[in-house]
Amino acid sequence: MIISFKSKKLQKICSTRKSALKELGQTKGNKLMLRMVELNAAIALSDISQLPPARLHELTGNRKGQFSVDLEHPYRLLFMPNNEPILVKKDGGLDKAKINEIIIIGIEDTH
């Protein structure tokens, strides 16, 4: 999967263990590194499990069009499809099997 980042700071945190641990602490930093390995290894977003531990899910409301994977509760890694055009299924959801480019937009508590 092709991964971009909203900012250089976010790219540094997501790309180097030292930065992740410094910014997020031991548990969240290690989970972030694991999630990044999973995302980098995936061909499409459908390759990421919707079950724990990753728990990939499409967000709703004011975060419609975004996805998240779990880090350390309640924090999540947030990202959006970066494909052009973004492909939508008949039910209105995003087609994870066709999303092979994402942009990471943050690490947040979405609750």
PDB file of N, CA and C in Angstrom:
ATOM      1  N   MET A   1       0.845  -1.167   0.000  1.00  0.00           N
ATOM      2  CA  MET A   1       0.000   0.000   0.000  1.00  0.00           C
ATOM      3  C   MET A   1       0.901   1.243   0.000  1.00  0.00           C
ATOM      4  N   ILE A   2       0.451   2.254  -0.679  1.00  0.00           N
ATOM      5  CA  ILE A   2       1.172   3.522  -0.723  1.00  0.00           C
ATOM      6  C   ILE A   2       0.650   4.387   0.422  1.00  0.00           C
ATOM      7  N   ILE A   3       1.571   4.853   1.257  1.00  0.00           N
ATOM      8  CA  ILE A   3       1.186   5.620   2.449  1.00  0.00           C
ATOM      9  C   ILE A   3       1.801   7.011   2.390  1.00  0.00           C
ATOM     10  N   SER A   4       0.948   8.018   2.560  1.00  0.00           N
ATOM     11  CA  SER A   4       1.379   9.419   2.665  1.00  0.00           C
ATOM     12  C   SER A   4       1.007   9.912   4.058  1.00  0.00           C
ATOM     13  N   PHE A   5       1.472  11.105   4.385  1.00  0.00           N
ATOM     14  CA  PHE A   5       1.232  11.655   5.718  1.00  0.00           C
ATOM     15  C   PHE A   5       0.780  13.099   5.612  1.00  0.00           C
ATOM     16  N   LYS A   6      -0.077  13.502   6.538  1.00  0.00           N
ATOM     17  CA  LYS A   6      -0.597  14.868   6.581  1.00  0.00           C
ATOM     18  C   LYS A   6       0.508  15.877   6.875  1.00  0.00           C
ATOM     19  N   SER A   7       1.510  15.476   7.674  1.00  0.00           N
ATOM     20  CA  SER A   7       2.597  16.392   8.024  1.00  0.00           C
ATOM     21  C   SER A   7       3.909  15.624   8.162  1.00  0.00           C
ATOM     22  N   LYS A   8       5.001  16.361   8.103  1.00  0.00           N
ATOM     23  CA  LYS A   8       6.324  15.755   8.267  1.00  0.00           C
ATOM     24  C   LYS A   8       6.499  15.215   9.693  1.00  0.00           C
ATOM     25  N   LYS A   9       5.939  15.926  10.671  1.00  0.00           N
ATOM     26  CA  LYS A   9       6.034  15.463  12.065  1.00  0.00           C
ATOM     27  C   LYS A   9       5.327  14.121  12.227  1.00  0.00           C
ATOM     28  N   LEU A  10       4.124  13.992  11.660  1.00  0.00           N
ATOM     29  CA  LEU A  10       3.377  12.746  11.733  1.00  0.00           C
ATOM     30  C   LEU A  10       4.128  11.627  11.003  1.00  0.00           C
ATOM     31  N   GLN A  11       4.749  11.959   9.883  1.00  0.00           N
ATOM     32  CA  GLN A  11       5.538  10.972   9.146  1.00  0.00           C
ATOM     33  C   GLN A  11       6.700  10.472   9.995  1.00  0.00           C
ATOM     34  N   LYS A  12       7.354  11.369  10.704  1.00  0.00           N
ATOM     35  CA  LYS A  12       8.492  10.986  11.552  1.00  0.00           C
ATOM     36  C   LYS A  12       8.033  10.078  12.689  1.00  0.00           C
ATOM     37  N   ILE A  13       6.912  10.427  13.319  1.00  0.00           N
ATOM     38  CA  ILE A  13       6.388   9.614  14.418  1.00  0.00           C
ATOM     39  C   ILE A  13       6.017   8.218  13.923  1.00  0.00           C
ATOM     40  N   CYS A  14       5.410   8.148  12.750  1.00  0.00           N
ATOM     41  CA  CYS A  14       4.956   6.867  12.199  1.00  0.00           C
ATOM     42  C   CYS A  14       6.070   6.055  11.566  1.00  0.00           C
ATOM     43  N   SER A  15       7.193   6.663  11.288  1.00  0.00           N
ATOM     44  CA  SER A  15       8.256   5.987  10.545  1.00  0.00           C
ATOM     45  C   SER A  15       9.439   5.539  11.390  1.00  0.00           C
ATOM     46  N   THR A  16       9.631   6.142  12.562  1.00  0.00           N
ATOM     47  CA  THR A  16      10.780   5.762  13.378  1.00  0.00           C
ATOM     48  C   THR A  16      10.339   5.404  14.792  1.00  0.00           C
ATOM     49  N   ARG A  17      10.787   4.249  15.246  1.00  0.00           N
ATOM     50  CA  ARG A  17      10.434   3.755  16.576  1.00  0.00           C
ATOM     51  C   ARG A  17      10.832   4.758  17.654  1.00  0.00           C
ATOM     52  N   LYS A  18      11.994   5.350  17.526  1.00  0.00           N
ATOM     53  CA  LYS A  18      12.469   6.301  18.529  1.00  0.00           C
ATOM     54  C   LYS A  18      11.494   7.471  18.673  1.00  0.00           C
ATOM     55  N   SER A  19      11.048   8.027  17.554  1.00  0.00           N
ATOM     56  CA  SER A  19      10.097   9.145  17.592  1.00  0.00           C
ATOM     57  C   SER A  19       8.741   8.697  18.129  1.00  0.00           C
ATOM     58  N   ALA A  20       8.296   7.519  17.721  1.00  0.00           N
ATOM     59  CA  ALA A  20       7.008   7.006  18.193  1.00  0.00           C
ATOM     60  C   ALA A  20       7.020   6.822  19.706  1.00  0.00           C
ATOM     61  N   LEU A  21       8.080   6.231  20.233  1.00  0.00           N
ATOM     62  CA  LEU A  21       8.163   6.004  21.676  1.00  0.00           C
ATOM     63  C   LEU A  21       8.272   7.319  22.438  1.00  0.00           C
ATOM     64  N   LYS A  22       9.012   8.261  21.894  1.00  0.00           N
ATOM     65  CA  LYS A  22       9.175   9.563  22.551  1.00  0.00           C
ATOM     66  C   LYS A  22       7.842  10.321  22.595  1.00  0.00           C
ATOM     67  N   GLU A  23       7.103  10.318  21.504  1.00  0.00           N
ATOM     68  CA  GLU A  23       5.852  11.080  21.415  1.00  0.00           C
ATOM     69  C   GLU A  23       4.668  10.382  22.077  1.00  0.00           C
ATOM     70  N   LEU A  24       4.639   9.045  21.998  1.00  0.00           N
ATOM     71  CA  LEU A  24       3.439   8.312  22.400  1.00  0.00           C
ATOM     72  C   LEU A  24       3.606   7.418  23.615  1.00  0.00           C
ATOM     73  N   GLY A  25       4.837   7.204  24.049  1.00  0.00           N
ATOM     74  CA  GLY A  25       5.070   6.268  25.142  1.00  0.00           C
ATOM     75  C   GLY A  25       5.270   4.856  24.610  1.00  0.00           C
ATOM     76  N   GLN A  26       5.661   3.979  25.512  1.00  0.00           N
ATOM     77  CA  GLN A  26       6.038   2.610  25.153  1.00  0.00           C
ATOM     78  C   GLN A  26       4.901   1.828  24.479  1.00  0.00           C
ATOM     79  N   THR A  27       3.756   1.728  25.114  1.00  0.00           N
ATOM     80  CA  THR A  27       2.685   0.879  24.590  1.00  0.00           C
ATOM     81  C   THR A  27       2.111   1.411  23.285  1.00  0.00           C
ATOM     82  N   LYS A  28       1.719   2.687  23.259  1.00  0.00           N
ATOM     83  CA  LYS A  28       1.147   3.258  22.032  1.00  0.00           C
ATOM     84  C   LYS A  28       2.176   3.294  20.911  1.00  0.00           C
ATOM     85  N   GLY A  29       3.412   3.635  21.245  1.00  0.00           N
ATOM     86  CA  GLY A  29       4.466   3.693  20.240  1.00  0.00           C
ATOM     87  C   GLY A  29       4.713   2.347  19.586  1.00  0.00           C
ATOM     88  N   ASN A  30       4.758   1.284  20.402  1.00  0.00           N
ATOM     89  CA  ASN A  30       4.953  -0.065  19.855  1.00  0.00           C
ATOM     90  C   ASN A  30       3.760  -0.506  19.017  1.00  0.00           C
ATOM     91  N   LYS A  31       2.551  -0.190  19.463  1.00  0.00           N
ATOM     92  CA  LYS A  31       1.352  -0.526  18.679  1.00  0.00           C
ATOM     93  C   LYS A  31       1.356   0.212  17.350  1.00  0.00           C
ATOM     94  N   LEU A  32       1.763   1.478  17.372  1.00  0.00           N
ATOM     95  CA  LEU A  32       1.838   2.249  16.136  1.00  0.00           C
ATOM     96  C   LEU A  32       2.809   1.593  15.157  1.00  0.00           C
ATOM     97  N   MET A  33       3.967   1.177  15.631  1.00  0.00           N
ATOM     98  CA  MET A  33       4.945   0.530  14.752  1.00  0.00           C
ATOM     99  C   MET A  33       4.367  -0.754  14.160  1.00  0.00           C
ATOM    100  N   LEU A  34       3.632  -1.524  14.959  1.00  0.00           N
ATOM    101  CA  LEU A  34       2.998  -2.745  14.466  1.00  0.00           C
ATOM    102  C   LEU A  34       1.962  -2.425  13.395  1.00  0.00           C
ATOM    103  N   ARG A  35       1.131  -1.419  13.630  1.00  0.00           N
ATOM    104  CA  ARG A  35       0.112  -1.037  12.649  1.00  0.00           C
ATOM    105  C   ARG A  35       0.755  -0.554  11.354  1.00  0.00           C
ATOM    106  N   MET A  36       1.862   0.172  11.453  1.00  0.00           N
ATOM    107  CA  MET A  36       2.544   0.654  10.250  1.00  0.00           C
ATOM    108  C   MET A  36       3.104  -0.512   9.444  1.00  0.00           C
ATOM    109  N   VAL A  37       3.636  -1.535  10.120  1.00  0.00           N
ATOM    110  CA  VAL A  37       4.118  -2.735   9.418  1.00  0.00           C
ATOM    111  C   VAL A  37       2.955  -3.395   8.677  1.00  0.00           C
ATOM    112  N   GLU A  38       1.804  -3.515   9.361  1.00  0.00           N
ATOM    113  CA  GLU A  38       0.626  -4.121   8.737  1.00  0.00           C
ATOM    114  C   GLU A  38       0.171  -3.323   7.515  1.00  0.00           C
ATOM    115  N   LEU A  39       0.095  -2.018   7.649  1.00  0.00           N
ATOM    116  CA  LEU A  39      -0.340  -1.172   6.530  1.00  0.00           C
ATOM    117  C   LEU A  39       0.646  -1.238   5.364  1.00  0.00           C
ATOM    118  N   ASN A  40       1.934  -1.207   5.671  1.00  0.00           N
ATOM    119  CA  ASN A  40       2.948  -1.287   4.609  1.00  0.00           C
ATOM    120  C   ASN A  40       2.924  -2.629   3.887  1.00  0.00           C
ATOM    121  N   ALA A  41       2.578  -3.706   4.599  1.00  0.00           N
ATOM    122  CA  ALA A  41       2.556  -5.042   4.000  1.00  0.00           C
ATOM    123  C   ALA A  41       1.288  -5.294   3.181  1.00  0.00           C
ATOM    124  N   ALA A  42       0.242  -4.547   3.448  1.00  0.00           N
ATOM    125  CA  ALA A  42      -1.039  -4.760   2.773  1.00  0.00           C
ATOM    126  C   ALA A  42      -0.975  -4.287   1.325  1.00  0.00           C
ATOM    127  N   ILE A  43      -1.671  -4.988   0.466  1.00  0.00           N
ATOM    128  CA  ILE A  43      -1.812  -4.558  -0.922  1.00  0.00           C
ATOM    129  C   ILE A  43      -2.972  -3.578  -1.024  1.00  0.00           C
ATOM    130  N   ALA A  44      -4.052  -3.885  -0.308  1.00  0.00           N
ATOM    131  CA  ALA A  44      -5.235  -3.019  -0.268  1.00  0.00           C
ATOM    132  C   ALA A  44      -5.740  -2.978   1.166  1.00  0.00           C
ATOM    133  N   LEU A  45      -6.599  -2.040   1.444  1.00  0.00           N
ATOM    134  CA  LEU A  45      -7.125  -1.866   2.794  1.00  0.00           C
ATOM    135  C   LEU A  45      -7.912  -3.092   3.261  1.00  0.00           C
ATOM    136  N   SER A  46      -8.469  -3.839   2.343  1.00  0.00           N
ATOM    137  CA  SER A  46      -9.210  -5.049   2.701  1.00  0.00           C
ATOM    138  C   SER A  46      -8.308  -6.123   3.313  1.00  0.00           C
ATOM    139  N   ASP A  47      -6.995  -5.999   3.180  1.00  0.00           N
ATOM    140  CA  ASP A  47      -6.053  -6.954   3.775  1.00  0.00           C
ATOM    141  C   ASP A  47      -5.899  -6.752   5.283  1.00  0.00           C
ATOM    142  N   ILE A  48      -6.358  -5.638   5.810  1.00  0.00           N
ATOM    143  CA  ILE A  48      -6.247  -5.342   7.234  1.00  0.00           C
ATOM    144  C   ILE A  48      -7.481  -5.898   7.936  1.00  0.00           C
ATOM    145  N   SER A  49      -7.265  -6.589   9.029  1.00  0.00           N
ATOM    146  CA  SER A  49      -8.362  -7.231   9.752  1.00  0.00           C
ATOM    147  C   SER A  49      -9.327  -6.233  10.373  1.00  0.00           C
ATOM    148  N   GLN A  50     -10.616  -6.573  10.297  1.00  0.00           N
ATOM    149  CA  GLN A  50     -11.635  -5.781  10.977  1.00  0.00           C
ATOM    150  C   GLN A  50     -11.829  -6.284  12.404  1.00  0.00           C
ATOM    151  N   LEU A  51     -11.164  -7.359  12.746  1.00  0.00           N
ATOM    152  CA  LEU A  51     -11.244  -7.935  14.080  1.00  0.00           C
ATOM    153  C   LEU A  51     -10.041  -7.486  14.910  1.00  0.00           C
ATOM    154  N   PRO A  52     -10.128  -7.605  16.239  1.00  0.00           N
ATOM    155  CA  PRO A  52      -8.956  -7.267  17.061  1.00  0.00           C
ATOM    156  C   PRO A  52      -7.767  -8.085  16.607  1.00  0.00           C
ATOM    157  N   PRO A  53      -6.554  -7.588  16.698  1.00  0.00           N
ATOM    158  CA  PRO A  53      -6.178  -6.364  17.378  1.00  0.00           C
ATOM    159  C   PRO A  53      -6.278  -5.101  16.533  1.00  0.00           C
ATOM    160  N   ALA A  54      -6.236  -5.201  15.212  1.00  0.00           N
ATOM    161  CA  ALA A  54      -6.239  -3.972  14.399  1.00  0.00           C
ATOM    162  C   ALA A  54      -7.601  -3.269  14.433  1.00  0.00           C
ATOM    163  N   ARG A  55      -8.656  -4.035  14.244  1.00  0.00           N
ATOM    164  CA  ARG A  55     -10.032  -3.523  14.271  1.00  0.00           C
ATOM    165  C   ARG A  55     -10.214  -2.339  13.326  1.00  0.00           C
ATOM    166  N   LEU A  56      -9.892  -2.564  12.073  1.00  0.00           N
ATOM    167  CA  LEU A  56     -10.100  -1.544  11.046  1.00  0.00           C
ATOM    168  C   LEU A  56     -11.580  -1.249  10.911  1.00  0.00           C
ATOM    169  N   HIS A  57     -11.956   0.023  10.954  1.00  0.00           N
ATOM    170  CA  HIS A  57     -13.353   0.356  10.702  1.00  0.00           C
ATOM    171  C   HIS A  57     -13.480   1.756  10.111  1.00  0.00           C
ATOM    172  N   GLU A  58     -14.523   1.869   9.295  1.00  0.00           N
ATOM    173  CA  GLU A  58     -14.849   3.141   8.661  1.00  0.00           C
ATOM    174  C   GLU A  58     -15.610   3.990   9.676  1.00  0.00           C
ATOM    175  N   LEU A  59     -15.236   5.252   9.774  1.00  0.00           N
ATOM    176  CA  LEU A  59     -15.868   6.144  10.739  1.00  0.00           C
ATOM    177  C   LEU A  59     -17.099   6.805  10.137  1.00  0.00           C
ATOM    178  N   THR A  60     -17.926   7.382  11.001  1.00  0.00           N
ATOM    179  CA  THR A  60     -19.171   8.000  10.568  1.00  0.00           C
ATOM    180  C   THR A  60     -19.257   9.435  11.086  1.00  0.00           C
ATOM    181  N   GLY A  61     -20.380  10.072  10.832  1.00  0.00           N
ATOM    182  CA  GLY A  61     -20.610  11.433  11.316  1.00  0.00           C
ATOM    183  C   GLY A  61     -19.666  12.421  10.668  1.00  0.00           C
ATOM    184  N   ASN A  62     -19.054  13.295  11.499  1.00  0.00           N
ATOM    185  CA  ASN A  62     -18.150  14.303  10.948  1.00  0.00           C
ATOM    186  C   ASN A  62     -16.810  13.708  10.507  1.00  0.00           C
ATOM    187  N   ARG A  63     -16.620  12.417  10.720  1.00  0.00           N
ATOM    188  CA  ARG A  63     -15.405  11.732  10.269  1.00  0.00           C
ATOM    189  C   ARG A  63     -15.703  10.773   9.115  1.00  0.00           C
ATOM    190  N   LYS A  64     -16.850  10.945   8.473  1.00  0.00           N
ATOM    191  CA  LYS A  64     -17.217  10.098   7.336  1.00  0.00           C
ATOM    192  C   LYS A  64     -16.123  10.169   6.272  1.00  0.00           C
ATOM    193  N   GLY A  65     -15.768   9.012   5.739  1.00  0.00           N
ATOM    194  CA  GLY A  65     -14.701   8.940   4.741  1.00  0.00           C
ATOM    195  C   GLY A  65     -13.346   8.634   5.342  1.00  0.00           C
ATOM    196  N   GLN A  66     -13.280   8.558   6.665  1.00  0.00           N
ATOM    197  CA  GLN A  66     -12.036   8.232   7.356  1.00  0.00           C
ATOM    198  C   GLN A  66     -12.122   6.808   7.900  1.00  0.00           C
ATOM    199  N   PHE A  67     -10.949   6.230   8.124  1.00  0.00           N
ATOM    200  CA  PHE A  67     -10.827   4.914   8.744  1.00  0.00           C
ATOM    201  C   PHE A  67      -9.947   5.048   9.977  1.00  0.00           C
ATOM    202  N   SER A  68     -10.054   4.041  10.859  1.00  0.00           N
ATOM    203  CA  SER A  68      -9.137   3.995  11.994  1.00  0.00           C
ATOM    204  C   SER A  68      -8.767   2.548  12.294  1.00  0.00           C
ATOM    205  N   VAL A  69      -7.604   2.400  12.912  1.00  0.00           N
ATOM    206  CA  VAL A  69      -7.176   1.128  13.497  1.00  0.00           C
ATOM    207  C   VAL A  69      -6.780   1.422  14.937  1.00  0.00           C
ATOM    208  N   ASP A  70      -7.005   0.456  15.800  1.00  0.00           N
ATOM    209  CA  ASP A  70      -6.727   0.637  17.218  1.00  0.00           C
ATOM    210  C   ASP A  70      -5.234   0.694  17.508  1.00  0.00           C
ATOM    211  N   LEU A  71      -4.901   1.539  18.462  1.00  0.00           N
ATOM    212  CA  LEU A  71      -3.562   1.554  19.048  1.00  0.00           C
ATOM    213  C   LEU A  71      -3.754   1.077  20.489  1.00  0.00           C
ATOM    214  N   GLU A  72      -3.686   1.997  21.441  1.00  0.00           N
ATOM    215  CA  GLU A  72      -3.971   1.691  22.840  1.00  0.00           C
ATOM    216  C   GLU A  72      -5.243   2.439  23.194  1.00  0.00           C
ATOM    217  N   HIS A  73      -6.270   1.719  23.657  1.00  0.00           N
ATOM    218  CA  HIS A  73      -7.566   2.333  23.930  1.00  0.00           C
ATOM    219  C   HIS A  73      -7.398   3.567  24.806  1.00  0.00           C
ATOM    220  N   PRO A  74      -7.997   4.673  24.407  1.00  0.00           N
ATOM    221  CA  PRO A  74      -8.954   4.923  23.341  1.00  0.00           C
ATOM    222  C   PRO A  74      -8.316   5.518  22.083  1.00  0.00           C
ATOM    223  N   TYR A  75      -7.002   5.442  21.943  1.00  0.00           N
ATOM    224  CA  TYR A  75      -6.319   6.089  20.819  1.00  0.00           C
ATOM    225  C   TYR A  75      -6.326   5.221  19.576  1.00  0.00           C
ATOM    226  N   ARG A  76      -6.446   5.918  18.431  1.00  0.00           N
ATOM    227  CA  ARG A  76      -6.504   5.250  17.139  1.00  0.00           C
ATOM    228  C   ARG A  76      -5.657   5.984  16.119  1.00  0.00           C
ATOM    229  N   LEU A  77      -5.171   5.231  15.145  1.00  0.00           N
ATOM    230  CA  LEU A  77      -4.475   5.792  13.997  1.00  0.00           C
ATOM    231  C   LEU A  77      -5.538   6.087  12.949  1.00  0.00           C
ATOM    232  N   LEU A  78      -5.635   7.339  12.526  1.00  0.00           N
ATOM    233  CA  LEU A  78      -6.664   7.773  11.575  1.00  0.00           C
ATOM    234  C   LEU A  78      -6.061   7.997  10.192  1.00  0.00           C
ATOM    235  N   PHE A  79      -6.795   7.577   9.165  1.00  0.00           N
ATOM    236  CA  PHE A  79      -6.333   7.785   7.793  1.00  0.00           C
ATOM    237  C   PHE A  79      -7.515   7.831   6.852  1.00  0.00           C
ATOM    238  N   MET A  80      -7.232   8.310   5.655  1.00  0.00           N
ATOM    239  CA  MET A  80      -8.245   8.443   4.604  1.00  0.00           C
ATOM    240  C   MET A  80      -7.708   7.825   3.319  1.00  0.00           C
ATOM    241  N   PRO A  81      -8.605   7.375   2.451  1.00  0.00           N
ATOM    242  CA  PRO A  81      -8.154   6.911   1.136  1.00  0.00           C
ATOM    243  C   PRO A  81      -7.497   8.069   0.390  1.00  0.00           C
ATOM    244  N   ASN A  82      -6.485   7.744  -0.376  1.00  0.00           N
ATOM    245  CA  ASN A  82      -5.783   8.762  -1.161  1.00  0.00           C
ATOM    246  C   ASN A  82      -5.814   8.384  -2.641  1.00  0.00           C
ATOM    247  N   ASN A  83      -6.698   7.446  -2.993  1.00  0.00           N
ATOM    248  CA  ASN A  83      -6.877   7.048  -4.390  1.00  0.00           C
ATOM    249  C   ASN A  83      -7.696   8.099  -5.119  1.00  0.00           C
ATOM    250  N   GLU A  84      -7.467   8.218  -6.389  1.00  0.00           N
ATOM    251  CA  GLU A  84      -8.286   9.085  -7.247  1.00  0.00           C
ATOM    252  C   GLU A  84      -8.808   8.243  -8.391  1.00  0.00           C
ATOM    253  N   PRO A  85     -10.081   8.117  -8.602  1.00  0.00           N
ATOM    254  CA  PRO A  85     -11.158   8.568  -7.723  1.00  0.00           C
ATOM    255  C   PRO A  85     -11.342   7.587  -6.574  1.00  0.00           C
ATOM    256  N   ILE A  86     -11.977   8.032  -5.494  1.00  0.00           N
ATOM    257  CA  ILE A  86     -12.293   7.164  -4.369  1.00  0.00           C
ATOM    258  C   ILE A  86     -13.507   6.329  -4.766  1.00  0.00           C
ATOM    259  N   LEU A  87     -13.365   5.022  -4.689  1.00  0.00           N
ATOM    260  CA  LEU A  87     -14.420   4.125  -5.154  1.00  0.00           C
ATOM    261  C   LEU A  87     -15.378   3.780  -4.019  1.00  0.00           C
ATOM    262  N   VAL A  88     -16.652   3.945  -4.306  1.00  0.00           N
ATOM    263  CA  VAL A  88     -17.711   3.719  -3.323  1.00  0.00           C
ATOM    264  C   VAL A  88     -18.520   2.500  -3.746  1.00  0.00           C
ATOM    265  N   LYS A  89     -18.894   1.663  -2.763  1.00  0.00           N
ATOM    266  CA  LYS A  89     -19.739   0.498  -3.034  1.00  0.00           C
ATOM    267  C   LYS A  89     -21.187   0.944  -3.195  1.00  0.00           C
ATOM    268  N   LYS A  90     -22.030   0.031  -3.678  1.00  0.00           N
ATOM    269  CA  LYS A  90     -23.439   0.334  -3.890  1.00  0.00           C
ATOM    270  C   LYS A  90     -24.138   0.767  -2.604  1.00  0.00           C
ATOM    271  N   ASP A  91     -23.694   0.232  -1.442  1.00  0.00           N
ATOM    272  CA  ASP A  91     -24.334   0.584  -0.166  1.00  0.00           C
ATOM    273  C   ASP A  91     -23.862   1.933   0.381  1.00  0.00           C
ATOM    274  N   GLY A  92     -22.947   2.587  -0.334  1.00  0.00           N
ATOM    275  CA  GLY A  92     -22.463   3.897   0.077  1.00  0.00           C
ATOM    276  C   GLY A  92     -21.141   3.870   0.820  1.00  0.00           C
ATOM    277  N   GLY A  93     -20.715   2.698   1.274  1.00  0.00           N
ATOM    278  CA  GLY A  93     -19.428   2.581   1.971  1.00  0.00           C
ATOM    279  C   GLY A  93     -18.264   2.615   0.992  1.00  0.00           C
ATOM    280  N   LEU A  94     -17.095   2.853   1.518  1.00  0.00           N
ATOM    281  CA  LEU A  94     -15.895   2.866   0.677  1.00  0.00           C
ATOM    282  C   LEU A  94     -15.459   1.433   0.385  1.00  0.00           C
ATOM    283  N   ASP A  95     -15.001   1.190  -0.818  1.00  0.00           N
ATOM    284  CA  ASP A  95     -14.590  -0.143  -1.250  1.00  0.00           C
ATOM    285  C   ASP A  95     -13.152  -0.407  -0.817  1.00  0.00           C
ATOM    286  N   LYS A  96     -12.989  -1.097   0.313  1.00  0.00           N
ATOM    287  CA  LYS A  96     -11.663  -1.356   0.889  1.00  0.00           C
ATOM    288  C   LYS A  96     -10.773  -2.181  -0.029  1.00  0.00           C
ATOM    289  N   ALA A  97     -11.365  -3.024  -0.854  1.00  0.00           N
ATOM    290  CA  ALA A  97     -10.582  -3.857  -1.762  1.00  0.00           C
ATOM    291  C   ALA A  97      -9.905  -3.029  -2.849  1.00  0.00           C
ATOM    292  N   LYS A  98     -10.411  -1.839  -3.110  1.00  0.00           N
ATOM    293  CA  LYS A  98      -9.849  -0.990  -4.165  1.00  0.00           C
ATOM    294  C   LYS A  98      -9.013   0.163  -3.611  1.00  0.00           C
ATOM    295  N   ILE A  99      -8.922   0.270  -2.281  1.00  0.00           N
ATOM    296  CA  ILE A  99      -8.127   1.344  -1.669  1.00  0.00           C
ATOM    297  C   ILE A  99      -6.715   0.820  -1.454  1.00  0.00           C
ATOM    298  N   ASN A 100      -5.771   1.316  -2.246  1.00  0.00           N
ATOM    299  CA  ASN A 100      -4.380   0.894  -2.106  1.00  0.00           C
ATOM    300  C   ASN A 100      -3.446   2.080  -1.862  1.00  0.00           C
ATOM    301  N   GLU A 101      -4.037   3.246  -1.620  1.00  0.00           N
ATOM    302  CA  GLU A 101      -3.280   4.441  -1.240  1.00  0.00           C
ATOM    303  C   GLU A 101      -4.022   5.128  -0.107  1.00  0.00           C
ATOM    304  N   ILE A 102      -3.293   5.461   0.967  1.00  0.00           N
ATOM    305  CA  ILE A 102      -3.918   6.162   2.091  1.00  0.00           C
ATOM    306  C   ILE A 102      -3.051   7.337   2.513  1.00  0.00           C
ATOM    307  N   ILE A 103      -3.690   8.274   3.228  1.00  0.00           N
ATOM    308  CA  ILE A 103      -2.962   9.372   3.845  1.00  0.00           C
ATOM    309  C   ILE A 103      -3.283   9.339   5.335  1.00  0.00           C
ATOM    310  N   ILE A 104      -2.244   9.217   6.134  1.00  0.00           N
ATOM    311  CA  ILE A 104      -2.427   9.182   7.595  1.00  0.00           C
ATOM    312  C   ILE A 104      -2.614  10.601   8.056  1.00  0.00           C
ATOM    313  N   ILE A 105      -3.710  10.827   8.818  1.00  0.00           N
ATOM    314  CA  ILE A 105      -4.069  12.190   9.206  1.00  0.00           C
ATOM    315  C   ILE A 105      -3.939  12.451  10.704  1.00  0.00           C
ATOM    316  N   GLY A 106      -3.762  11.423  11.521  1.00  0.00           N
ATOM    317  CA  GLY A 106      -3.610  11.694  12.940  1.00  0.00           C
ATOM    318  C   GLY A 106      -3.627  10.478  13.822  1.00  0.00           C
ATOM    319  N   ILE A 107      -3.317  10.738  15.095  1.00  0.00           N
ATOM    320  CA  ILE A 107      -3.406   9.748  16.166  1.00  0.00           C
ATOM    321  C   ILE A 107      -4.238  10.431  17.234  1.00  0.00           C
ATOM    322  N   GLU A 108      -5.455   9.914  17.443  1.00  0.00           N
ATOM    323  CA  GLU A 108      -6.390  10.625  18.311  1.00  0.00           C
ATOM    324  C   GLU A 108      -7.292   9.675  19.086  1.00  0.00           C
ATOM    325  N   ASP A 109      -7.903  10.228  20.136  1.00  0.00           N
ATOM    326  CA  ASP A 109      -9.021   9.600  20.821  1.00  0.00           C
ATOM    327  C   ASP A 109     -10.259  10.127  20.114  1.00  0.00           C
ATOM    328  N   THR A 110     -10.951   9.266  19.373  1.00  0.00           N
ATOM    329  CA  THR A 110     -12.085   9.719  18.569  1.00  0.00           C
ATOM    330  C   THR A 110     -13.396   9.730  19.349  1.00  0.00           C
ATOM    331  N   HIS A 111     -13.354   9.407  20.612  1.00  0.00           N
ATOM    332  CA  HIS A 111     -14.594   9.376  21.412  1.00  0.00           C
ATOM    333  C   HIS A 111     -14.783  10.668  22.166  1.00  0.00           C
TER     334      HIS A 111
END
